[in-house]
Amino acid sequence: MSSGKVLLGVLAGVAAGALLGILFAPEKGSDTRKKISKKAEGYTDTIKEKFNEFVNDISEKYEKVKEGVDDFAGNGKHKTDKEAKTAAS
């Protein structure tokens, strides 16, 4: 299972649990709506942070793979050039 799916599942579970806890609390509706609004802002900020971390992690991995492919291609070109020179001699 990918880390993105696990993170999404955990965040959805936390959000659902918090929402149910607030909705079943014995308080006035206006107080409950204020709490939901505050919690939603907090979760939005957390999700944005986690998403940015995820994007940065993917970008770093992409760059590493790209460098590896470039190195591999460069080595392959060097070997083919060397073989072509050897064959021409």
Protein backbone atom coordinates (compact mmCIF):
# COMPACT_ATOMS: atom_id res chain seq x y z
CA MET A 1 0.00 0.00 0.00
CA SER A 2 1.45 3.41 -0.92
CA SER A 3 2.20 6.02 1.71
CA GLY A 4 -0.17 8.46 -0.01
CA LYS A 5 -3.12 6.11 0.44
CA VAL A 6 -2.21 5.44 4.06
CA LEU A 7 -1.90 9.17 4.77
CA LEU A 8 -5.21 9.89 3.10
CA GLY A 9 -6.91 7.10 5.07
CA VAL A 10 -5.50 8.33 8.38
CA LEU A 11 -6.54 11.92 7.70
CA ALA A 12 -10.04 10.85 6.66
CA GLY A 13 -10.39 8.74 9.82
CA VAL A 14 -9.22 11.56 12.06
CA ALA A 15 -11.56 14.03 10.37
CA ALA A 16 -14.55 11.67 10.63
CA GLY A 17 -13.84 10.92 14.30
CA ALA A 18 -13.50 14.59 15.18
CA LEU A 19 -16.66 15.50 13.31
CA LEU A 20 -18.70 12.76 15.01
CA GLY A 21 -17.32 13.74 18.40
CA ILE A 22 -18.32 17.35 17.91
CA LEU A 23 -21.76 16.55 16.48
CA PHE A 24 -22.68 14.30 19.41
CA ALA A 25 -21.44 16.77 22.02
CA PRO A 26 -24.24 18.26 24.15
CA GLU A 27 -23.76 21.93 23.21
CA LYS A 28 -25.69 24.62 21.39
CA GLY A 29 -25.69 24.43 17.60
CA SER A 30 -23.89 27.76 17.18
CA ASP A 31 -21.08 26.60 19.49
CA THR A 32 -20.84 23.32 17.62
CA ARG A 33 -20.65 25.11 14.25
CA LYS A 34 -17.86 27.35 15.56
CA LYS A 35 -15.93 24.31 16.75
CA ILE A 36 -16.41 22.57 13.41
CA SER A 37 -15.19 25.68 11.60
CA LYS A 38 -12.08 25.95 13.78
CA LYS A 39 -11.31 22.25 13.41
CA ALA A 40 -11.78 22.45 9.64
CA GLU A 41 -9.27 25.32 9.45
CA GLY A 42 -6.76 23.30 11.46
CA TYR A 43 -7.24 20.21 9.29
CA THR A 44 -6.98 22.29 6.13
CA ASP A 45 -3.63 23.67 7.26
CA THR A 46 -2.42 20.19 8.21
CA ILE A 47 -3.51 18.72 4.89
CA LYS A 48 -1.79 21.54 2.99
CA GLU A 49 1.44 20.93 4.91
CA LYS A 50 1.30 17.17 4.35
CA PHE A 51 0.51 17.65 0.67
CA ASN A 52 3.45 20.02 0.25
CA GLU A 53 5.74 17.52 2.00
CA PHE A 54 4.43 14.77 -0.29
CA VAL A 55 5.01 16.88 -3.42
CA ASN A 56 8.53 17.79 -2.27
CA ASP A 57 9.31 14.13 -1.57
CA ILE A 58 8.05 13.08 -5.00
CA SER A 59 10.04 15.89 -6.64
CA GLU A 60 13.23 14.78 -4.89
CA LYS A 61 12.68 11.18 -5.93
CA TYR A 62 11.99 12.28 -9.51
CA GLU A 63 15.24 14.27 -9.62
CA LYS A 64 17.21 11.28 -8.28
CA VAL A 65 15.70 8.97 -10.89
CA LYS A 66 16.31 11.55 -13.61
CA GLU A 67 19.97 11.87 -12.59
CA GLY A 68 20.30 8.09 -12.57
CA VAL A 69 18.81 7.83 -16.05
CA ASP A 70 21.08 10.61 -17.31
CA ASP A 71 24.13 8.86 -15.86
CA PHE A 72 23.03 5.54 -17.31
CA ALA A 73 22.45 7.09 -20.73
CA GLY A 74 25.80 8.87 -20.58
CA ASN A 75 27.61 5.63 -19.70
CA GLY A 76 25.81 3.78 -22.48
CA LYS A 77 26.76 6.46 -25.01
CA HIS A 78 30.37 6.35 -23.85
CA LYS A 79 30.45 2.56 -24.24
CA THR A 80 28.89 2.64 -27.72
CA ASP A 81 31.32 5.36 -28.83
CA LYS A 82 34.21 3.28 -27.49
CA GLU A 83 32.93 0.15 -29.27
CA ALA A 84 32.48 2.13 -32.52
CA LYS A 85 36.07 3.36 -32.33
CA THR A 86 37.31 -0.16 -31.60
CA ALA A 87 35.33 -1.56 -34.54
CA ALA A 88 36.61 1.15 -36.89
CA SER A 89 40.25 0.40 -36.02
